[in-house]
PDB file of N, CA and C in Angstrom:
ATOM      1  N   MET A   1      30.453 172.781  99.124  1.00  0.00           N
ATOM      2  CA  MET A   1      30.723 172.159 100.272  1.00  0.00           C
ATOM      3  C   MET A   1      29.350 172.174 101.018  1.00  0.00           C
ATOM      4  N   CYS A   2      28.606 173.239 101.161  1.00  0.00           N
ATOM      5  CA  CYS A   2      27.554 173.300 102.259  1.00  0.00           C
ATOM      6  C   CYS A   2      26.442 172.223 101.492  1.00  0.00           C
ATOM      7  N   GLU A   3      26.250 172.080  99.932  1.00  0.00           N
ATOM      8  CA  GLU A   3      25.542 171.198  99.411  1.00  0.00           C
ATOM      9  C   GLU A   3      25.713 169.782  99.781  1.00  0.00           C
ATOM     10  N   LEU A   4      26.901 169.603  99.854  1.00  0.00           N
ATOM     11  CA  LEU A   4      27.307 168.105 100.192  1.00  0.00           C
ATOM     12  C   LEU A   4      26.971 167.723 101.600  1.00  0.00           C
ATOM     13  N   THR A   5      27.324 168.903 102.487  1.00  0.00           N
ATOM     14  CA  THR A   5      27.097 168.500 104.088  1.00  0.00           C
ATOM     15  C   THR A   5      25.505 168.144 104.118  1.00  0.00           C
ATOM     16  N   THR A   6      24.771 169.004 103.442  1.00  0.00           N
ATOM     17  CA  THR A   6      23.440 169.007 103.583  1.00  0.00           C
ATOM     18  C   THR A   6      22.736 167.765 102.894  1.00  0.00           C
ATOM     19  N   LYS A   7      23.392 167.250 102.005  1.00  0.00           N
ATOM     20  CA  LYS A   7      22.862 165.875 101.267  1.00  0.00           C
ATOM     21  C   LYS A   7      23.243 164.667 102.250  1.00  0.00           C
ATOM     22  N   LYS A   8      24.542 164.900 102.895  1.00  0.00           N
ATOM     23  CA  LYS A   8      24.965 163.801 103.819  1.00  0.00           C
ATOM     24  C   LYS A   8      24.081 164.028 105.177  1.00  0.00           C
ATOM     25  N   SER A   9      23.782 165.183 105.704  1.00  0.00           N
ATOM     26  CA  SER A   9      23.180 164.897 107.041  1.00  0.00           C
ATOM     27  C   SER A   9      21.558 164.791 106.489  1.00  0.00           C
ATOM     28  N   LEU A  10      20.960 164.850 105.323  1.00  0.00           N
ATOM     29  CA  LEU A  10      19.544 164.792 105.152  1.00  0.00           C
ATOM     30  C   LEU A  10      18.817 163.477 105.721  1.00  0.00           C
ATOM     31  N   PRO A  11      19.567 162.305 105.569  1.00  0.00           N
ATOM     32  CA  PRO A  11      19.104 161.143 106.117  1.00  0.00           C
ATOM     33  C   PRO A  11      19.189 161.192 107.775  1.00  0.00           C
ATOM     34  N   GLN A  12      20.011 161.762 108.226  1.00  0.00           N
ATOM     35  CA  GLN A  12      20.135 161.951 109.626  1.00  0.00           C
ATOM     36  C   GLN A  12      19.110 162.622 110.270  1.00  0.00           C
ATOM     37  N   ARG A  13      18.961 163.878 109.371  1.00  0.00           N
ATOM     38  CA  ARG A  13      17.865 164.904 109.723  1.00  0.00           C
ATOM     39  C   ARG A  13      16.288 164.120 109.846  1.00  0.00           C
ATOM     40  N   ILE A  14      15.993 163.420 108.870  1.00  0.00           N
ATOM     41  CA  ILE A  14      14.989 162.843 108.954  1.00  0.00           C
ATOM     42  C   ILE A  14      14.511 161.881 109.927  1.00  0.00           C
ATOM     43  N   ALA A  15      15.716 160.990 110.323  1.00  0.00           N
ATOM     44  CA  ALA A  15      15.566 159.981 111.461  1.00  0.00           C
ATOM     45  C   ALA A  15      15.464 160.810 112.640  1.00  0.00           C
ATOM     46  N   LEU A  16      16.373 161.906 112.827  1.00  0.00           N
ATOM     47  CA  LEU A  16      16.003 163.016 113.934  1.00  0.00           C
ATOM     48  C   LEU A  16      14.489 163.519 114.084  1.00  0.00           C
ATOM     49  N   SER A  17      13.901 163.997 113.169  1.00  0.00           N
ATOM     50  CA  SER A  17      12.543 164.263 112.993  1.00  0.00           C
ATOM     51  C   SER A  17      11.746 162.982 113.462  1.00  0.00           C
ATOM     52  N   ARG A  18      11.895 162.022 112.948  1.00  0.00           N
ATOM     53  CA  ARG A  18      11.081 160.955 113.383  1.00  0.00           C
ATOM     54  C   ARG A  18      11.119 160.549 114.670  1.00  0.00           C
ATOM     55  N   ASP A  19      12.335 160.639 115.172  1.00  0.00           N
ATOM     56  CA  ASP A  19      12.508 160.223 116.680  1.00  0.00           C
ATOM     57  C   ASP A  19      11.986 161.525 117.724  1.00  0.00           C
ATOM     58  N   GLU A  20      12.226 162.854 117.056  1.00  0.00           N
ATOM     59  CA  GLU A  20      11.650 163.899 117.789  1.00  0.00           C
ATOM     60  C   GLU A  20      10.025 163.555 117.982  1.00  0.00           C
ATOM     61  N   LYS A  21       9.533 163.107 116.645  1.00  0.00           N
ATOM     62  CA  LYS A  21       8.046 163.030 116.785  1.00  0.00           C
ATOM     63  C   LYS A  21       7.446 161.985 117.841  1.00  0.00           C
ATOM     64  N   PHE A  22       8.369 160.928 118.059  1.00  0.00           N
ATOM     65  CA  PHE A  22       7.855 159.730 119.056  1.00  0.00           C
ATOM     66  C   PHE A  22       8.149 160.567 120.372  1.00  0.00           C
ATOM     67  N   LEU A  23       9.302 161.515 120.554  1.00  0.00           N
ATOM     68  CA  LEU A  23       9.628 161.920 121.684  1.00  0.00           C
ATOM     69  C   LEU A  23       8.403 162.819 122.122  1.00  0.00           C
ATOM     70  N   LEU A  24       8.278 163.657 121.400  1.00  0.00           N
ATOM     71  CA  LEU A  24       6.825 164.626 121.565  1.00  0.00           C
ATOM     72  C   LEU A  24       5.750 164.083 121.700  1.00  0.00           C
ATOM     73  N   LEU A  25       5.576 163.101 121.389  1.00  0.00           N
ATOM     74  CA  LEU A  25       4.187 162.282 121.550  1.00  0.00           C
ATOM     75  C   LEU A  25       4.403 161.570 123.189  1.00  0.00           C
ATOM     76  N   PHE A  26       5.322 161.096 123.049  1.00  0.00           N
ATOM     77  CA  PHE A  26       5.445 160.366 124.488  1.00  0.00           C
ATOM     78  C   PHE A  26       5.506 161.502 125.560  1.00  0.00           C
ATOM     79  N   THR A  27       5.882 162.507 125.391  1.00  0.00           N
ATOM     80  CA  THR A  27       6.015 163.438 126.535  1.00  0.00           C
ATOM     81  C   THR A  27       4.761 164.190 126.624  1.00  0.00           C
ATOM     82  N   PHE A  28       3.950 164.373 125.448  1.00  0.00           N
ATOM     83  CA  PHE A  28       2.677 164.724 125.310  1.00  0.00           C
ATOM     84  C   PHE A  28       1.888 163.791 126.107  1.00  0.00           C
ATOM     85  N   LEU A  29       1.746 162.693 126.029  1.00  0.00           N
ATOM     86  CA  LEU A  29       0.945 161.372 126.667  1.00  0.00           C
ATOM     87  C   LEU A  29       1.608 161.411 128.285  1.00  0.00           C
ATOM     88  N   LYS A  30       2.733 161.772 128.311  1.00  0.00           N
ATOM     89  CA  LYS A  30       3.221 161.628 129.864  1.00  0.00           C
ATOM     90  C   LYS A  30       2.405 163.008 130.690  1.00  0.00           C
ATOM     91  N   LYS A  31       2.565 163.961 130.126  1.00  0.00           N
ATOM     92  CA  LYS A  31       2.212 165.147 130.726  1.00  0.00           C
ATOM     93  C   LYS A  31       0.663 165.357 130.823  1.00  0.00           C
ATOM     94  N   ASN A  32      -0.034 164.797 129.728  1.00  0.00           N
ATOM     95  CA  ASN A  32      -1.505 164.808 129.732  1.00  0.00           C
ATOM     96  C   ASN A  32      -1.986 163.490 129.502  1.00  0.00           C
ATOM     97  N   PRO A  33      -2.120 162.829 130.652  1.00  0.00           N
ATOM     98  CA  PRO A  33      -2.630 161.154 130.510  1.00  0.00           C
ATOM     99  C   PRO A  33      -4.268 161.334 130.122  1.00  0.00           C
ATOM    100  N   LYS A  34      -4.571 160.787 129.129  1.00  0.00           N
ATOM    101  CA  LYS A  34      -6.146 160.668 128.834  1.00  0.00           C
ATOM    102  C   LYS A  34      -6.689 159.397 129.084  1.00  0.00           C
ATOM    103  N   LYS A  35      -7.990 159.202 129.712  1.00  0.00           N
ATOM    104  CA  LYS A  35      -8.533 158.035 130.095  1.00  0.00           C
ATOM    105  C   LYS A  35      -9.444 157.702 129.055  1.00  0.00           C
ATOM    106  N   LYS A  36      -9.397 156.527 128.373  1.00  0.00           N
ATOM    107  CA  LYS A  36     -10.199 156.323 127.380  1.00  0.00           C
ATOM    108  C   LYS A  36     -11.520 155.536 127.729  1.00  0.00           C
TER     109      LYS A  36
END
């Protein structure tokens, strides 16, 4: 059962990690504004 749940949540986990990357980047830029 555990294997089934992990396999089922795998795509969701990938999508979450991708969203988390954008969120982290956004918050990082917001906290530390850089002037080009």
